[in-house]
Protein backbone atom coordinates (compact mmCIF):
# COMPACT_ATOMS: atom_id res chain seq x y z
CA MET A 1 0.01 -0.07 -0.01
CA GLN A 2 2.06 2.93 -1.22
CA TYR A 3 -0.39 5.67 -0.33
CA PHE A 4 -3.44 5.51 1.96
CA SER A 5 -5.65 7.40 -0.44
CA GLY A 6 -5.44 9.68 -3.46
CA ARG A 7 -4.99 12.85 -1.57
CA PHE A 8 -1.70 11.60 0.07
CA LYS A 9 1.50 12.69 -1.67
CA GLU A 10 4.11 10.74 0.37
CA LYS A 11 4.43 7.06 1.04
CA ALA A 12 3.47 5.70 4.53
CA SER A 13 6.57 5.20 6.76
CA ASN A 14 7.55 1.69 7.80
CA SER A 15 6.77 2.36 11.37
CA ILE A 16 3.14 3.33 10.39
CA LEU A 17 2.79 0.24 8.20
CA GLU A 18 4.05 -1.96 11.13
CA PHE A 19 1.71 -0.39 13.56
CA HIS A 20 -1.38 -0.41 11.07
CA SER A 21 -0.84 -3.82 9.66
CA THR A 22 -2.87 -6.86 10.80
CA ILE A 23 -1.53 -9.35 8.46
CA GLN A 24 0.70 -10.85 11.08
CA PHE A 25 -2.23 -12.62 12.55
CA GLU A 26 -4.82 -12.63 9.75
CA ASP A 27 -3.22 -15.37 7.71
CA LYS A 28 -5.81 -17.79 9.28
CA LEU A 29 -8.56 -15.68 7.43
CA ALA A 30 -7.03 -16.25 4.02
CA TYR A 31 -9.39 -19.22 3.14
CA TYR A 32 -12.54 -17.33 4.36
CA ASP A 33 -11.50 -14.09 2.57
CA ILE A 34 -11.14 -16.01 -0.74
CA MET A 35 -14.31 -17.90 -0.29
CA GLY A 36 -16.13 -14.67 0.36
CA SER A 37 -14.56 -13.15 -2.79
CA ILE A 38 -15.48 -16.06 -4.88
CA ALA A 39 -19.19 -15.77 -3.68
CA HIS A 40 -19.04 -11.96 -4.31
CA VAL A 41 -17.65 -12.33 -7.82
CA ARG A 42 -20.25 -15.07 -8.67
CA GLY A 43 -22.88 -12.66 -7.65
CA LEU A 44 -21.34 -9.79 -9.78
CA GLY A 45 -21.29 -12.22 -12.72
CA LYS A 46 -24.92 -13.29 -12.08
CA GLN A 47 -26.09 -9.77 -11.94
CA GLY A 48 -24.27 -8.75 -15.14
CA ILE A 49 -22.07 -6.25 -13.19
CA VAL A 50 -19.01 -8.01 -14.69
CA THR A 51 -19.00 -10.35 -17.59
CA VAL A 52 -19.35 -14.18 -16.98
CA GLU A 53 -15.91 -14.57 -18.44
CA GLU A 54 -14.31 -11.96 -16.01
CA ALA A 55 -16.07 -13.62 -13.13
CA GLU A 56 -14.78 -17.13 -14.02
CA LEU A 57 -11.32 -15.84 -14.60
CA ILE A 58 -11.28 -13.99 -11.19
CA GLU A 59 -12.63 -17.13 -9.44
CA LYS A 60 -10.12 -19.40 -11.09
CA THR A 61 -7.26 -17.03 -10.10
CA LEU A 62 -8.52 -16.73 -6.59
CA ARG A 63 -8.46 -20.57 -6.18
CA GLU A 64 -4.96 -20.65 -7.52
CA ILE A 65 -3.93 -17.99 -4.97
CA LEU A 66 -5.56 -20.12 -2.21
CA GLU A 67 -3.35 -23.01 -3.35
CA ASP A 68 -0.31 -21.05 -3.21
CA ILE A 69 -1.10 -19.62 0.22
CA GLU A 70 -1.78 -23.22 1.57
CA SER A 71 1.43 -24.40 0.11
CA LYS A 72 3.44 -21.46 1.50
CA LYS A 73 4.41 -20.15 -1.85
CA ILE A 74 3.07 -16.63 -1.10
CA GLN A 75 4.63 -14.29 1.50
CA PHE A 76 2.31 -11.74 2.82
CA SER A 77 3.53 -8.06 3.13
CA ILE A 78 2.87 -5.45 5.78
CA GLU A 79 2.91 -2.92 2.83
CA TYR A 80 -0.65 -4.17 1.89
CA GLU A 81 -1.82 -3.97 5.48
CA ASP A 82 -4.31 -6.93 5.88
CA ILE A 83 -5.26 -10.24 4.30
CA HIS A 84 -7.91 -8.52 2.15
CA MET A 85 -5.43 -6.16 0.28
CA ASN A 86 -2.69 -8.86 0.22
CA VAL A 87 -5.12 -11.29 -1.71
CA GLU A 88 -6.43 -8.44 -3.94
CA LYS A 89 -2.77 -7.39 -4.73
CA ASN A 90 -1.85 -10.88 -5.73
CA LEU A 91 -5.02 -11.19 -7.89
CA ILE A 92 -4.24 -7.94 -9.77
CA ASP A 93 -0.60 -8.88 -10.21
CA ARG A 94 -1.81 -12.06 -12.01
CA ILE A 95 -4.66 -10.82 -14.24
CA GLY A 96 -4.25 -6.97 -14.27
CA ASP A 97 -7.08 -4.61 -14.19
CA ILE A 98 -9.77 -7.30 -14.31
CA GLY A 99 -8.67 -8.14 -10.82
CA LYS A 100 -9.67 -4.72 -9.74
CA LYS A 101 -13.35 -5.48 -10.60
CA LEU A 102 -13.60 -7.94 -7.72
CA HIS A 103 -13.98 -5.03 -5.35
CA THR A 104 -16.93 -3.66 -7.25
CA GLY A 105 -19.89 -3.04 -4.85
CA ARG A 106 -17.84 -4.12 -1.82
CA SER A 107 -16.02 -2.45 1.00
CA ARG A 108 -13.34 -3.69 3.33
CA ASN A 109 -15.97 -3.11 5.99
CA ASP A 110 -18.48 -5.91 4.88
CA GLN A 111 -15.45 -8.07 3.77
CA CYS A 112 -14.03 -7.95 7.28
CA ALA A 113 -17.44 -8.66 8.84
CA LEU A 114 -17.99 -11.56 6.47
CA ASP A 115 -14.51 -13.17 6.95
CA LEU A 116 -14.83 -13.09 10.71
CA LYS A 117 -18.38 -14.66 10.66
CA LEU A 118 -17.13 -17.48 8.40
CA TYR A 119 -14.19 -18.12 10.56
CA ILE A 120 -16.12 -18.10 13.78
CA LYS A 121 -18.79 -20.44 12.37
CA ASP A 122 -16.10 -23.02 11.59
CA GLU A 123 -14.47 -22.65 14.97
CA ILE A 124 -17.86 -23.11 16.68
CA LYS A 125 -18.37 -26.38 14.77
CA LYS A 126 -14.77 -27.57 15.83
CA VAL A 127 -15.39 -26.81 19.50
CA GLN A 128 -18.76 -28.62 19.28
CA SER A 129 -17.09 -31.64 17.83
CA TYR A 130 -14.58 -31.79 20.74
CA LEU A 131 -17.37 -31.34 23.22
CA MET A 132 -19.20 -34.25 21.64
CA GLU A 133 -16.19 -36.52 21.73
CA LEU A 134 -15.80 -35.62 25.43
CA ILE A 135 -19.48 -36.30 26.15
CA GLU A 136 -19.39 -39.70 24.40
CA ILE A 137 -16.31 -40.68 26.53
CA LEU A 138 -17.90 -39.58 29.82
CA ILE A 139 -21.07 -41.51 28.96
CA LYS A 140 -19.06 -44.63 28.09
CA ILE A 141 -17.22 -44.57 31.39
CA SER A 142 -20.44 -43.91 33.24
CA LYS A 143 -22.13 -47.00 31.74
CA GLU A 144 -19.15 -48.97 32.97
CA ASN A 145 -19.41 -47.60 36.53
CA ILE A 146 -23.10 -47.47 37.45
CA LYS A 147 -22.32 -49.61 40.55
CA THR A 148 -19.03 -47.99 41.46
CA TYR A 149 -19.75 -45.96 44.57
CA MET A 150 -18.21 -42.85 45.97
CA PRO A 151 -19.06 -40.12 48.43
CA GLY A 152 -20.88 -37.02 47.15
CA PHE A 153 -19.48 -33.97 48.67
CA THR A 154 -20.78 -30.47 49.74
CA HIS A 155 -18.06 -27.93 50.80
CA LEU A 156 -15.53 -30.76 50.82
CA GLN A 157 -17.56 -32.71 53.43
CA LYS A 158 -18.91 -36.09 52.69
CA ALA A 159 -22.63 -35.83 52.25
CA GLN A 160 -24.34 -38.74 50.48
CA PRO A 161 -23.33 -41.82 48.61
CA ILE A 162 -23.51 -41.59 44.88
CA SER A 163 -22.13 -43.79 41.95
CA PHE A 164 -19.25 -42.75 39.96
CA ALA A 165 -21.55 -42.68 36.98
CA HIS A 166 -23.81 -40.07 38.50
CA TYR A 167 -20.82 -37.89 39.24
CA LEU A 168 -19.51 -38.10 35.68
CA LEU A 169 -23.02 -37.49 34.24
CA ALA A 170 -23.19 -34.18 35.91
CA TYR A 171 -20.34 -33.06 33.65
CA VAL A 172 -22.19 -34.47 30.70
CA GLU A 173 -25.08 -32.13 31.46
CA MET A 174 -22.67 -29.10 31.74
CA PHE A 175 -20.99 -29.93 28.47
CA LYS A 176 -24.48 -30.50 26.86
CA ARG A 177 -25.35 -26.88 27.81
CA ASP A 178 -22.05 -25.71 26.49
CA TYR A 179 -22.85 -27.43 23.22
CA LYS A 180 -26.35 -25.68 23.08
CA ARG A 181 -24.82 -22.31 23.84
CA LEU A 182 -22.44 -22.67 20.92
CA GLU A 183 -25.52 -23.66 18.73
CA ASN A 184 -27.27 -20.46 19.72
CA THR A 185 -24.21 -18.38 18.87
CA PHE A 186 -23.90 -20.16 15.58
CA GLU A 187 -27.44 -19.52 14.74
CA LEU A 188 -27.16 -15.69 15.60
CA THR A 189 -23.97 -15.61 13.58
CA ASN A 190 -25.43 -17.24 10.58
CA TYR A 191 -26.57 -14.22 8.58
CA SER A 192 -24.36 -12.77 5.92
CA PRO A 193 -23.32 -9.01 5.80
CA LEU A 194 -21.98 -9.13 2.24
CA GLY A 195 -23.54 -6.48 0.22
CA SER A 196 -23.64 -3.97 3.11
CA ALA A 197 -20.54 -2.32 1.56
CA ALA A 198 -19.07 0.44 3.70
CA LEU A 199 -22.22 0.98 5.86
CA ALA A 200 -25.28 1.76 3.67
CA GLY A 201 -25.14 -0.64 0.77
CA THR A 202 -24.36 0.25 -2.77
CA SER A 203 -26.00 1.44 -5.93
CA TYR A 204 -24.92 -1.72 -7.79
CA PRO A 205 -27.82 -4.31 -8.04
CA LEU A 206 -26.21 -6.98 -5.75
CA ASP A 207 -28.14 -10.14 -4.85
CA MET A 208 -27.42 -10.58 -1.25
CA GLU A 209 -29.63 -13.61 -0.94
CA TYR A 210 -27.77 -15.33 -3.66
CA THR A 211 -24.30 -14.78 -2.10
CA SER A 212 -25.61 -15.76 1.38
CA LYS A 213 -26.67 -19.11 -0.12
CA VAL A 214 -23.36 -19.71 -1.93
CA LEU A 215 -21.62 -19.12 1.47
CA GLY A 216 -24.01 -21.30 3.47
CA PHE A 217 -25.76 -18.69 5.62
CA ASN A 218 -29.32 -18.96 6.67
CA GLY A 219 -29.97 -15.56 5.06
CA THR A 220 -28.84 -12.04 5.07
CA ILE A 221 -28.53 -9.22 7.79
CA ALA A 222 -31.55 -6.94 8.04
CA ASN A 223 -29.71 -3.75 8.32
CA SER A 224 -26.47 -2.82 6.49
CA LEU A 225 -25.23 -0.44 9.33
CA ASP A 226 -25.60 -3.25 11.82
CA GLY A 227 -24.15 -5.76 9.26
CA VAL A 228 -20.72 -4.01 9.20
CA SER A 229 -20.53 -3.00 12.88
CA ASP A 230 -21.89 -6.18 14.64
CA ARG A 231 -19.46 -8.11 16.58
CA ASP A 232 -21.81 -9.65 19.04
CA HIS A 233 -20.91 -13.08 17.65
CA VAL A 234 -17.31 -12.61 18.76
CA MET A 235 -18.34 -11.72 22.38
CA SER A 236 -20.80 -14.56 22.38
CA PHE A 237 -18.32 -16.94 21.27
CA ILE A 238 -15.70 -15.75 23.82
CA SER A 239 -18.29 -16.09 26.55
CA ASP A 240 -19.16 -19.62 25.44
CA LEU A 241 -15.50 -20.55 25.58
CA SER A 242 -15.05 -19.04 28.91
CA ILE A 243 -17.92 -21.02 30.41
CA ILE A 244 -16.59 -24.21 28.81
CA MET A 245 -13.13 -23.49 30.44
CA VAL A 246 -14.81 -22.98 33.77
CA HIS A 247 -16.37 -26.48 33.50
CA LEU A 248 -13.19 -28.06 32.32
CA SER A 249 -11.15 -26.28 35.03
CA ARG A 250 -13.55 -27.56 37.79
CA PHE A 251 -13.33 -31.04 36.34
CA CYS A 252 -9.50 -31.05 36.23
CA GLU A 253 -9.37 -29.76 39.78
CA GLU A 254 -11.53 -32.53 40.99
CA ILE A 255 -9.35 -35.04 39.24
CA VAL A 256 -6.38 -33.59 41.05
CA VAL A 257 -8.08 -33.82 44.39
CA TYR A 258 -9.65 -37.21 43.77
CA SER A 259 -6.28 -38.71 42.64
CA SER A 260 -4.46 -37.39 45.71
CA ASN A 261 -3.14 -39.67 48.30
CA ASP A 262 -5.76 -38.38 50.93
CA PHE A 263 -8.61 -39.38 48.57
CA SER A 264 -7.22 -42.11 46.23
CA TYR A 265 -10.64 -42.52 44.46
CA ILE A 266 -9.01 -42.54 41.04
CA GLU A 267 -5.61 -43.18 39.46
CA LEU A 268 -4.37 -41.46 36.48
CA SER A 269 -2.19 -43.27 33.77
CA ASP A 270 1.39 -42.51 34.08
CA LYS A 271 1.08 -41.12 30.56
CA PHE A 272 -0.84 -38.17 32.00
CA SER A 273 1.26 -37.59 35.06
CA THR A 274 4.58 -36.08 36.08
CA GLY A 275 6.95 -36.99 38.95
CA SER A 276 9.63 -35.28 41.07
CA SER A 277 13.26 -36.26 41.33
CA ILE A 278 13.58 -35.42 45.00
CA MET A 279 10.06 -36.60 45.86
CA PRO A 280 9.67 -39.94 44.15
CA GLN A 281 6.41 -40.88 45.89
CA LYS A 282 4.63 -37.93 44.02
CA LYS A 283 2.58 -38.54 40.86
CA ASN A 284 1.35 -35.24 39.72
CA PRO A 285 -1.70 -35.06 37.30
């Protein structure tokens, strides 16, 4: 990025570029940025805003760029600030002025909002798959330990006898709620902002419903200003992860307590323990 806009006469200094650039941590958005661009250019072609041939060339080249990114053939530059401009620069270098048409009817504002939503949707599904795996393991161990008895505690005081299965199934319920919270966040996230442009849409006749379907969204956002500024899904996802970590932390701490010498209710495999050279009796979870 030689100049921030047409009115600037001098090139930005390296210190400004380093401070302003986000490419150092946005490489993980490359796939989502390119998928969003492919949907956008398909929409431009469908609406006759660019020719079908131009749309096909841009899509083909974007897929080639993605291949090169994934095989580490492309080095991103802070000169082009973020993932969006780095991809666009690569596109223009390869096919010239036709590549500039990709940005027709689009702003980095709706592009950023879109990439982040696509990324978070995938991350939600990953975390849900981990939770489901954990739930299945806990249920399996529970079925094997219905008649394995242990004290139930309140305030670390022995209260009532329970089965080990009952104890583990309490965590199954927690993780099921965590799964549902993520599902709710996914549902609220699943509306495409593409077509909002900078904040108030564009005069180009974009088909937002079409591009939202190409990208696998439930539909489009109802208000373009909200579309580019909404980050509720980020806060919701962080909140969901925080609650999951509280449950995991609680579970881990109880494993530490129950595997200690004073309790000795469970024993961890040596594969998940550490020792001490000066205190050989210790087996730390």
